[in-house]
Amino acid sequence: TASALIAADDALDDVPGNDRPGRPDDMWEYEGGASAVPA
């Protein structure tokens, strides 16, 4: 569910080093306003 996804990601943030993009296709650019992977 939507709330379960939010809770799962919050749990990841509690683990050191996990609050950064992982695989390239999951990255969202911090600047420039577009995904690093073409739509």
Full PDB file with SEQRES, HELIX, SHEET, SSBOND, CRYST1, ORIGX, SCALE, CONECT and MASTER records, all heavy atoms in Angstrom:
SEQRES   1 A   39  THR ALA SER ALA LEU ILE ALA ALA ASP ASP ALA LEU ASP          
SEQRES   2 A   39  ASP VAL PRO GLY ASN ASP ARG PRO GLY ARG PRO ASP ASP          
SEQRES   3 A   39  MET TRP GLU TYR GLU GLY GLY ALA SER ALA VAL PRO ALA          
HELIX    1 AA1 ALA A    2  ASP A   13  1                                  12    
HELIX    2 AA2 PRO A   24  ASP A   26  5                                   3    
CRYST1    1.000    1.000    1.000  90.00  90.00  90.00 P 1           1          
ORIGX1      1.000000  0.000000  0.000000        0.00000                         
ORIGX2      0.000000  1.000000  0.000000        0.00000                         
ORIGX3      0.000000  0.000000  1.000000        0.00000                         
SCALE1      1.000000  0.000000  0.000000        0.00000                         
SCALE2      0.000000  1.000000  0.000000        0.00000                         
SCALE3      0.000000  0.000000  1.000000        0.00000                         
ATOM      1  N   THR A   1       0.834  -1.185   0.000  1.00  0.00           N  
ATOM      2  CA  THR A   1       0.000   0.000   0.000  1.00  0.00           C  
ATOM      3  C   THR A   1       0.875   1.243   0.000  1.00  0.00           C  
ATOM      4  O   THR A   1       2.090   1.176   0.227  1.00  0.00           O  
ATOM      5  CB  THR A   1      -0.912   0.018   1.234  1.00  0.00           C  
ATOM      6  OG1 THR A   1      -0.092   0.143   2.409  1.00  0.00           O  
ATOM      7  CG2 THR A   1      -1.762  -1.245   1.323  1.00  0.00           C  
ATOM      8  N   ALA A   2       0.242   2.392  -0.230  1.00  0.00           N  
ATOM      9  CA  ALA A   2       0.998   3.644  -0.234  1.00  0.00           C  
ATOM     10  C   ALA A   2       1.669   3.898   1.107  1.00  0.00           C  
ATOM     11  O   ALA A   2       2.854   4.245   1.170  1.00  0.00           O  
ATOM     12  CB  ALA A   2       0.053   4.795  -0.598  1.00  0.00           C  
ATOM     13  N   SER A   3       0.932   3.714   2.194  1.00  0.00           N  
ATOM     14  CA  SER A   3       1.515   3.944   3.520  1.00  0.00           C  
ATOM     15  C   SER A   3       2.626   2.947   3.823  1.00  0.00           C  
ATOM     16  O   SER A   3       3.631   3.290   4.470  1.00  0.00           O  
ATOM     17  CB  SER A   3       0.438   3.861   4.599  1.00  0.00           C  
ATOM     18  OG  SER A   3      -0.404   5.002   4.540  1.00  0.00           O  
ATOM     19  N   ALA A   4       2.488   1.695   3.350  1.00  0.00           N  
ATOM     20  CA  ALA A   4       3.534   0.701   3.572  1.00  0.00           C  
ATOM     21  C   ALA A   4       4.811   1.076   2.829  1.00  0.00           C  
ATOM     22  O   ALA A   4       5.924   0.877   3.345  1.00  0.00           O  
ATOM     23  CB  ALA A   4       3.048  -0.676   3.147  1.00  0.00           C  
ATOM     24  N   LEU A   5       4.688   1.615   1.633  1.00  0.00           N  
ATOM     25  CA  LEU A   5       5.869   2.055   0.888  1.00  0.00           C  
ATOM     26  C   LEU A   5       6.574   3.203   1.618  1.00  0.00           C  
ATOM     27  O   LEU A   5       7.803   3.233   1.706  1.00  0.00           O  
ATOM     28  CB  LEU A   5       5.470   2.497  -0.521  1.00  0.00           C  
ATOM     29  CG  LEU A   5       5.251   1.398  -1.558  1.00  0.00           C  
ATOM     30  CD1 LEU A   5       4.757   2.010  -2.860  1.00  0.00           C  
ATOM     31  CD2 LEU A   5       6.533   0.617  -1.794  1.00  0.00           C  
ATOM     32  N   ILE A   6       5.795   4.167   2.119  1.00  0.00           N  
ATOM     33  CA  ILE A   6       6.381   5.284   2.849  1.00  0.00           C  
ATOM     34  C   ILE A   6       7.106   4.775   4.093  1.00  0.00           C  
ATOM     35  O   ILE A   6       8.236   5.188   4.406  1.00  0.00           O  
ATOM     36  CB  ILE A   6       5.303   6.305   3.241  1.00  0.00           C  
ATOM     37  CG1 ILE A   6       4.681   6.952   1.992  1.00  0.00           C  
ATOM     38  CG2 ILE A   6       5.866   7.367   4.177  1.00  0.00           C  
ATOM     39  CD1 ILE A   6       5.576   7.915   1.265  1.00  0.00           C  
ATOM     40  N   ALA A   7       6.464   3.856   4.822  1.00  0.00           N  
ATOM     41  CA  ALA A   7       7.074   3.317   6.039  1.00  0.00           C  
ATOM     42  C   ALA A   7       8.342   2.549   5.724  1.00  0.00           C  
ATOM     43  O   ALA A   7       9.351   2.649   6.446  1.00  0.00           O  
ATOM     44  CB  ALA A   7       6.079   2.424   6.768  1.00  0.00           C  
ATOM     45  N   ALA A   8       8.355   1.770   4.627  1.00  0.00           N  
ATOM     46  CA  ALA A   8       9.538   1.004   4.255  1.00  0.00           C  
ATOM     47  C   ALA A   8      10.697   1.926   3.901  1.00  0.00           C  
ATOM     48  O   ALA A   8      11.853   1.670   4.253  1.00  0.00           O  
ATOM     49  CB  ALA A   8       9.215   0.079   3.092  1.00  0.00           C  
ATOM     50  N   ASP A   9      10.396   3.028   3.211  1.00  0.00           N  
ATOM     51  CA  ASP A   9      11.466   3.946   2.856  1.00  0.00           C  
ATOM     52  C   ASP A   9      11.958   4.711   4.077  1.00  0.00           C  
ATOM     53  O   ASP A   9      13.154   5.003   4.196  1.00  0.00           O  
ATOM     54  CB  ASP A   9      10.987   4.930   1.779  1.00  0.00           C  
ATOM     55  CG  ASP A   9      12.143   5.654   1.116  1.00  0.00           C  
ATOM     56  OD1 ASP A   9      12.849   5.031   0.289  1.00  0.00           O  
ATOM     57  OD2 ASP A   9      12.369   6.831   1.447  1.00  0.00           O  
ATOM     58  N   ASP A  10      11.052   5.036   4.999  1.00  0.00           N  
ATOM     59  CA  ASP A  10      11.493   5.679   6.243  1.00  0.00           C  
ATOM     60  C   ASP A  10      12.446   4.774   7.014  1.00  0.00           C  
ATOM     61  O   ASP A  10      13.406   5.245   7.632  1.00  0.00           O  
ATOM     62  CB  ASP A  10      10.279   6.023   7.111  1.00  0.00           C  
ATOM     63  CG  ASP A  10       9.485   7.195   6.548  1.00  0.00           C  
ATOM     64  OD1 ASP A  10      10.020   7.919   5.692  1.00  0.00           O  
ATOM     65  OD2 ASP A  10       8.322   7.382   6.971  1.00  0.00           O  
ATOM     66  N   ALA A  11      12.179   3.465   6.983  1.00  0.00           N  
ATOM     67  CA  ALA A  11      13.068   2.523   7.667  1.00  0.00           C  
ATOM     68  C   ALA A  11      14.445   2.508   7.017  1.00  0.00           C  
ATOM     69  O   ALA A  11      15.465   2.383   7.696  1.00  0.00           O  
ATOM     70  CB  ALA A  11      12.455   1.126   7.667  1.00  0.00           C  
ATOM     71  N   LEU A  12      14.495   2.639   5.683  1.00  0.00           N  
ATOM     72  CA  LEU A  12      15.789   2.694   5.000  1.00  0.00           C  
ATOM     73  C   LEU A  12      16.590   3.915   5.423  1.00  0.00           C  
ATOM     74  O   LEU A  12      17.812   3.865   5.546  1.00  0.00           O  
ATOM     75  CB  LEU A  12      15.572   2.736   3.482  1.00  0.00           C  
ATOM     76  CG  LEU A  12      15.305   1.414   2.763  1.00  0.00           C  
ATOM     77  CD1 LEU A  12      15.088   1.680   1.284  1.00  0.00           C  
ATOM     78  CD2 LEU A  12      16.471   0.461   2.958  1.00  0.00           C  
ATOM     79  N   ASP A  13      15.896   5.024   5.651  1.00  0.00           N  
ATOM     80  CA  ASP A  13      16.597   6.250   6.037  1.00  0.00           C  
ATOM     81  C   ASP A  13      17.261   6.131   7.398  1.00  0.00           C  
ATOM     82  O   ASP A  13      18.167   6.905   7.719  1.00  0.00           O  
ATOM     83  CB  ASP A  13      15.613   7.429   6.052  1.00  0.00           C  
ATOM     84  CG  ASP A  13      15.220   7.851   4.646  1.00  0.00           C  
ATOM     85  OD1 ASP A  13      15.951   7.492   3.699  1.00  0.00           O  
ATOM     86  OD2 ASP A  13      14.199   8.535   4.492  1.00  0.00           O  
ATOM     87  N   ASP A  14      16.819   5.178   8.200  1.00  0.00           N  
ATOM     88  CA  ASP A  14      17.432   4.996   9.513  1.00  0.00           C  
ATOM     89  C   ASP A  14      18.758   4.238   9.443  1.00  0.00           C  
ATOM     90  O   ASP A  14      19.492   4.172  10.424  1.00  0.00           O  
ATOM     91  CB  ASP A  14      16.479   4.231  10.440  1.00  0.00           C  
ATOM     92  CG  ASP A  14      15.238   5.051  10.775  1.00  0.00           C  
ATOM     93  OD1 ASP A  14      15.332   6.293  10.707  1.00  0.00           O  
ATOM     94  OD2 ASP A  14      14.192   4.457  11.070  1.00  0.00           O  
ATOM     95  N   VAL A  15      19.040   3.659   8.264  1.00  0.00           N  
ATOM     96  CA  VAL A  15      20.286   2.918   8.078  1.00  0.00           C  
ATOM     97  C   VAL A  15      21.341   3.854   7.493  1.00  0.00           C  
ATOM     98  O   VAL A  15      21.087   4.490   6.468  1.00  0.00           O  
ATOM     99  CB  VAL A  15      20.074   1.712   7.134  1.00  0.00           C  
ATOM    100  CG1 VAL A  15      21.375   0.961   6.925  1.00  0.00           C  
ATOM    101  CG2 VAL A  15      18.988   0.808   7.683  1.00  0.00           C  
ATOM    102  N   PRO A  16      22.520   4.006   8.103  1.00  0.00           N  
ATOM    103  CA  PRO A  16      23.536   4.933   7.586  1.00  0.00           C  
ATOM    104  C   PRO A  16      23.904   4.620   6.141  1.00  0.00           C  
ATOM    105  O   PRO A  16      24.080   3.470   5.750  1.00  0.00           O  
ATOM    106  CB  PRO A  16      24.740   4.694   8.522  1.00  0.00           C  
ATOM    107  CG  PRO A  16      24.137   4.149   9.781  1.00  0.00           C  
ATOM    108  CD  PRO A  16      22.942   3.330   9.351  1.00  0.00           C  
ATOM    109  N   GLY A  17      23.989   5.694   5.329  1.00  0.00           N  
ATOM    110  CA  GLY A  17      24.411   5.554   3.941  1.00  0.00           C  
ATOM    111  C   GLY A  17      23.306   5.205   2.978  1.00  0.00           C  
ATOM    112  O   GLY A  17      23.550   5.093   1.788  1.00  0.00           O  
ATOM    113  N   ASN A  18      22.080   5.061   3.429  1.00  0.00           N  
ATOM    114  CA  ASN A  18      21.009   4.656   2.534  1.00  0.00           C  
ATOM    115  C   ASN A  18      20.186   5.817   2.010  1.00  0.00           C  
ATOM    116  O   ASN A  18      19.293   5.607   1.203  1.00  0.00           O  
ATOM    117  CB  ASN A  18      20.063   3.668   3.233  1.00  0.00           C  
ATOM    118  CG  ASN A  18      20.554   2.238   3.123  1.00  0.00           C  
ATOM    119  OD1 ASN A  18      21.002   1.821   2.072  1.00  0.00           O  
ATOM    120  ND2 ASN A  18      20.486   1.520   4.223  1.00  0.00           N  
ATOM    121  N   ASP A  19      20.424   7.047   2.445  1.00  0.00           N  
ATOM    122  CA  ASP A  19      19.658   8.182   1.943  1.00  0.00           C  
ATOM    123  C   ASP A  19      20.371   8.843   0.767  1.00  0.00           C  
ATOM    124  O   ASP A  19      20.650  10.016   0.743  1.00  0.00           O  
ATOM    125  CB  ASP A  19      19.428   9.204   3.050  1.00  0.00           C  
ATOM    126  CG  ASP A  19      18.397  10.246   2.627  1.00  0.00           C  
ATOM    127  OD1 ASP A  19      17.563   9.904   1.774  1.00  0.00           O  
ATOM    128  OD2 ASP A  19      18.445  11.372   3.143  1.00  0.00           O  
ATOM    129  N   ARG A  20      20.702   8.026  -0.202  1.00  0.00           N  
ATOM    130  CA  ARG A  20      21.286   8.531  -1.432  1.00  0.00           C  
ATOM    131  C   ARG A  20      20.847   7.608  -2.568  1.00  0.00           C  
ATOM    132  O   ARG A  20      20.500   6.459  -2.336  1.00  0.00           O  
ATOM    133  CB  ARG A  20      22.821   8.579  -1.333  1.00  0.00           C  
ATOM    134  CG  ARG A  20      23.480   7.243  -1.056  1.00  0.00           C  
ATOM    135  CD  ARG A  20      25.005   7.387  -1.045  1.00  0.00           C  
ATOM    136  NE  ARG A  20      25.669   6.123  -0.786  1.00  0.00           N  
ATOM    137  CZ  ARG A  20      25.995   5.697   0.420  1.00  0.00           C  
ATOM    138  NH1 ARG A  20      25.708   6.443   1.475  1.00  0.00           N  
ATOM    139  NH2 ARG A  20      26.592   4.544   0.594  1.00  0.00           N  
ATOM    140  N   PRO A  21      20.864   8.114  -3.822  1.00  0.00           N  
ATOM    141  CA  PRO A  21      20.408   7.287  -4.939  1.00  0.00           C  
ATOM    142  C   PRO A  21      21.196   5.992  -5.042  1.00  0.00           C  
ATOM    143  O   PRO A  21      22.401   5.962  -4.816  1.00  0.00           O  
ATOM    144  CB  PRO A  21      20.646   8.183  -6.152  1.00  0.00           C  
ATOM    145  CG  PRO A  21      20.654   9.576  -5.593  1.00  0.00           C  
ATOM    146  CD  PRO A  21      21.253   9.461  -4.228  1.00  0.00           C  
ATOM    147  N   GLY A  22      20.517   4.898  -5.405  1.00  0.00           N  
ATOM    148  CA  GLY A  22      21.156   3.595  -5.539  1.00  0.00           C  
ATOM    149  C   GLY A  22      21.481   3.312  -6.989  1.00  0.00           C  
ATOM    150  O   GLY A  22      22.419   3.864  -7.541  1.00  0.00           O  
ATOM    151  N   ARG A  23      20.652   2.470  -7.639  1.00  0.00           N  
ATOM    152  CA  ARG A  23      20.901   2.132  -9.037  1.00  0.00           C  
ATOM    153  C   ARG A  23      20.706   3.369  -9.909  1.00  0.00           C  
ATOM    154  O   ARG A  23      19.922   4.253  -9.579  1.00  0.00           O  
ATOM    155  CB  ARG A  23      19.932   1.029  -9.481  1.00  0.00           C  
ATOM    156  CG  ARG A  23      20.038  -0.252  -8.670  1.00  0.00           C  
ATOM    157  CD  ARG A  23      19.244  -1.367  -9.347  1.00  0.00           C  
ATOM    158  NE  ARG A  23      17.899  -0.937  -9.692  1.00  0.00           N  
ATOM    159  CZ  ARG A  23      16.864  -1.015  -8.850  1.00  0.00           C  
ATOM    160  NH1 ARG A  23      17.033  -1.439  -7.614  1.00  0.00           N  
ATOM    161  NH2 ARG A  23      15.654  -0.628  -9.233  1.00  0.00           N  
ATOM    162  N   PRO A  24      21.411   3.439 -11.049  1.00  0.00           N  
ATOM    163  CA  PRO A  24      21.286   4.629 -11.899  1.00  0.00           C  
ATOM    164  C   PRO A  24      19.853   4.895 -12.332  1.00  0.00           C  
ATOM    165  O   PRO A  24      19.444   6.042 -12.441  1.00  0.00           O  
ATOM    166  CB  PRO A  24      22.183   4.296 -13.094  1.00  0.00           C  
ATOM    167  CG  PRO A  24      23.175   3.326 -12.556  1.00  0.00           C  
ATOM    168  CD  PRO A  24      22.442   2.515 -11.523  1.00  0.00           C  
ATOM    169  N   ASP A  25      19.065   3.819 -12.593  1.00  0.00           N  
ATOM    170  CA  ASP A  25      17.710   4.055 -13.074  1.00  0.00           C  
ATOM    171  C   ASP A  25      16.771   4.487 -11.970  1.00  0.00           C  
ATOM    172  O   ASP A  25      15.628   4.838 -12.216  1.00  0.00           O  
ATOM    173  CB  ASP A  25      17.150   2.794 -13.740  1.00  0.00           C  
ATOM    174  CG  ASP A  25      17.123   1.605 -12.798  1.00  0.00           C  
ATOM    175  OD1 ASP A  25      18.138   1.362 -12.120  1.00  0.00           O  
ATOM    176  OD2 ASP A  25      16.086   0.926 -12.749  1.00  0.00           O  
ATOM    177  N   ASP A  26      17.228   4.498 -10.722  1.00  0.00           N  
ATOM    178  CA  ASP A  26      16.412   5.002  -9.623  1.00  0.00           C  
ATOM    179  C   ASP A  26      16.770   6.441  -9.251  1.00  0.00           C  
ATOM    180  O   ASP A  26      16.161   7.023  -8.368  1.00  0.00           O  
ATOM    181  CB  ASP A  26      16.601   4.130  -8.367  1.00  0.00           C  
ATOM    182  CG  ASP A  26      15.939   2.785  -8.519  1.00  0.00           C  
ATOM    183  OD1 ASP A  26      15.087   2.663  -9.415  1.00  0.00           O  
ATOM    184  OD2 ASP A  26      16.280   1.859  -7.764  1.00  0.00           O  
ATOM    185  N   MET A  27      17.783   7.001  -9.923  1.00  0.00           N  
ATOM    186  CA  MET A  27      18.268   8.323  -9.521  1.00  0.00           C  
ATOM    187  C   MET A  27      17.316   9.428  -9.992  1.00  0.00           C  
ATOM    188  O   MET A  27      16.768   9.364 -11.071  1.00  0.00           O  
ATOM    189  CB  MET A  27      19.653   8.582 -10.110  1.00  0.00           C  
ATOM    190  CG  MET A  27      20.223   9.951  -9.705  1.00  0.00           C  
ATOM    191  SD  MET A  27      21.684  10.370 -10.631  1.00  0.00           S  
ATOM    192  CE  MET A  27      22.895   9.514  -9.725  1.00  0.00           C  
ATOM    193  N   TRP A  28      17.153  10.415  -9.169  1.00  0.00           N  
ATOM    194  CA  TRP A  28      16.409  11.624  -9.531  1.00  0.00           C  
ATOM    195  C   TRP A  28      17.363  12.795  -9.366  1.00  0.00           C  
ATOM    196  O   TRP A  28      17.918  13.011  -8.310  1.00  0.00           O  
ATOM    197  CB  TRP A  28      15.205  11.798  -8.615  1.00  0.00           C  
ATOM    198  CG  TRP A  28      14.275  12.859  -9.100  1.00  0.00           C  
ATOM    199  CD1 TRP A  28      14.386  14.205  -8.934  1.00  0.00           C  
ATOM    200  CD2 TRP A  28      13.091  12.666  -9.860  1.00  0.00           C  
ATOM    201  NE1 TRP A  28      13.345  14.855  -9.533  1.00  0.00           N  
ATOM    202  CE2 TRP A  28      12.540  13.940 -10.109  1.00  0.00           C  
ATOM    203  CE3 TRP A  28      12.438  11.536 -10.354  1.00  0.00           C  
ATOM    204  CZ2 TRP A  28      11.352  14.110 -10.826  1.00  0.00           C  
ATOM    205  CZ3 TRP A  28      11.276  11.708 -11.058  1.00  0.00           C  
ATOM    206  CH2 TRP A  28      10.742  12.977 -11.299  1.00  0.00           C  
ATOM    207  N   GLU A  29      17.582  13.549 -10.420  1.00  0.00           N  
ATOM    208  CA  GLU A  29      18.570  14.625 -10.356  1.00  0.00           C  
ATOM    209  C   GLU A  29      18.182  15.655  -9.305  1.00  0.00           C  
ATOM    210  O   GLU A  29      17.037  16.051  -9.195  1.00  0.00           O  
ATOM    211  CB  GLU A  29      18.685  15.310 -11.718  1.00  0.00           C  
ATOM    212  CG  GLU A  29      19.388  14.445 -12.756  1.00  0.00           C  
ATOM    213  CD  GLU A  29      19.617  15.218 -14.037  1.00  0.00           C  
ATOM    214  OE1 GLU A  29      19.309  16.409 -14.057  1.00  0.00           O  
ATOM    215  OE2 GLU A  29      20.093  14.621 -14.986  1.00  0.00           O  
ATOM    216  N   TYR A  30      19.160  16.104  -8.551  1.00  0.00           N  
ATOM    217  CA  TYR A  30      18.920  17.132  -7.548  1.00  0.00           C  
ATOM    218  C   TYR A  30      18.716  18.489  -8.199  1.00  0.00           C  
ATOM    219  O   TYR A  30      18.017  19.339  -7.674  1.00  0.00           O  
ATOM    220  CB  TYR A  30      20.108  17.193  -6.574  1.00  0.00           C  
ATOM    221  CG  TYR A  30      20.147  16.032  -5.630  1.00  0.00           C  
ATOM    222  CD1 TYR A  30      20.637  14.801  -6.062  1.00  0.00           C  
ATOM    223  CD2 TYR A  30      19.691  16.139  -4.333  1.00  0.00           C  
ATOM    224  CE1 TYR A  30      20.666  13.714  -5.206  1.00  0.00           C  
ATOM    225  CE2 TYR A  30      19.731  15.064  -3.462  1.00  0.00           C  
ATOM    226  CZ  TYR A  30      20.217  13.851  -3.899  1.00  0.00           C  
ATOM    227  OH  TYR A  30      20.244  12.783  -3.045  1.00  0.00           O  
ATOM    228  N   GLU A  31      19.358  18.738  -9.318  1.00  0.00           N  
ATOM    229  CA  GLU A  31      19.183  19.990 -10.029  1.00  0.00           C  
ATOM    230  C   GLU A  31      18.837  19.668 -11.475  1.00  0.00           C  
ATOM    231  O   GLU A  31      19.193  18.647 -12.014  1.00  0.00           O  
ATOM    232  CB  GLU A  31      20.481  20.829  -9.987  1.00  0.00           C  
ATOM    233  CG  GLU A  31      20.952  21.172  -8.593  1.00  0.00           C  
ATOM    234  CD  GLU A  31      20.016  22.129  -7.877  1.00  0.00           C  
ATOM    235  OE1 GLU A  31      19.252  22.824  -8.567  1.00  0.00           O  
ATOM    236  OE2 GLU A  31      20.052  22.177  -6.640  1.00  0.00           O  
ATOM    237  N   GLY A  32      18.130  20.598 -12.124  1.00  0.00           N  
ATOM    238  CA  GLY A  32      17.832  20.425 -13.548  1.00  0.00           C  
ATOM    239  C   GLY A  32      16.449  19.915 -13.820  1.00  0.00           C  
ATOM    240  O   GLY A  32      15.920  20.101 -14.906  1.00  0.00           O  
ATOM    241  N   GLY A  33      15.819  19.232 -12.884  1.00  0.00           N  
ATOM    242  CA  GLY A  33      14.418  18.919 -13.005  1.00  0.00           C  
ATOM    243  C   GLY A  33      14.057  17.764 -13.898  1.00  0.00           C  
ATOM    244  O   GLY A  33      13.024  17.772 -14.540  1.00  0.00           O  
ATOM    245  N   ALA A  34      14.852  16.729 -13.997  1.00  0.00           N  
ATOM    246  CA  ALA A  34      14.477  15.582 -14.811  1.00  0.00           C  
ATOM    247  C   ALA A  34      15.133  14.339 -14.258  1.00  0.00           C  
ATOM    248  O   ALA A  34      16.141  14.400 -13.578  1.00  0.00           O  
ATOM    249  CB  ALA A  34      14.912  15.788 -16.265  1.00  0.00           C  
ATOM    250  N   SER A  35      14.542  13.210 -14.582  1.00  0.00           N  
ATOM    251  CA  SER A  35      15.131  11.954 -14.165  1.00  0.00           C  
ATOM    252  C   SER A  35      16.431  11.721 -14.922  1.00  0.00           C  
ATOM    253  O   SER A  35      16.593  12.139 -16.060  1.00  0.00           O  
ATOM    254  CB  SER A  35      14.165  10.806 -14.453  1.00  0.00           C  
ATOM    255  OG  SER A  35      14.812   9.576 -14.295  1.00  0.00           O  
ATOM    256  N   ALA A  36      17.365  11.024 -14.278  1.00  0.00           N  
ATOM    257  CA  ALA A  36      18.626  10.698 -14.948  1.00  0.00           C  
ATOM    258  C   ALA A  36      18.410   9.661 -16.034  1.00  0.00           C  
ATOM    259  O   ALA A  36      19.254   9.471 -16.886  1.00  0.00           O  
ATOM    260  CB  ALA A  36      19.634  10.178 -13.930  1.00  0.00           C  
ATOM    261  N   VAL A  37      17.261   8.970 -16.013  1.00  0.00           N  
ATOM    262  CA  VAL A  37      16.936   7.972 -17.030  1.00  0.00           C  
ATOM    263  C   VAL A  37      15.852   8.535 -17.918  1.00  0.00           C  
ATOM    264  O   VAL A  37      14.878   9.097 -17.434  1.00  0.00           O  
ATOM    265  CB  VAL A  37      16.436   6.672 -16.355  1.00  0.00           C  
ATOM    266  CG1 VAL A  37      16.031   5.651 -17.398  1.00  0.00           C  
ATOM    267  CG2 VAL A  37      17.528   6.108 -15.476  1.00  0.00           C  
ATOM    268  N   PRO A  38      15.974   8.420 -19.261  1.00  0.00           N  
ATOM    269  CA  PRO A  38      14.921   8.939 -20.127  1.00  0.00           C  
ATOM    270  C   PRO A  38      13.587   8.282 -19.815  1.00  0.00           C  
ATOM    271  O   PRO A  38      13.524   7.122 -19.437  1.00  0.00           O  
ATOM    272  CB  PRO A  38      15.412   8.573 -21.540  1.00  0.00           C  
ATOM    273  CG  PRO A  38      16.882   8.365 -21.402  1.00  0.00           C  
ATOM    274  CD  PRO A  38      17.087   7.835 -20.009  1.00  0.00           C  
ATOM    275  N   ALA A  39      12.517   9.036 -20.006  1.00  0.00           N  
ATOM    276  CA  ALA A  39      11.183   8.505 -19.760  1.00  0.00           C  
ATOM    277  C   ALA A  39      10.892   7.364 -20.720  1.00  0.00           C  
ATOM    278  O   ALA A  39      11.138   7.451 -21.921  1.00  0.00           O  
ATOM    279  CB  ALA A  39      10.145   9.617 -19.933  1.00  0.00           C  
TER     280      ALA A  39                                                      
MASTER        0    0    0    2    0    0    0    6  279    1    0    3          
END                                                                             
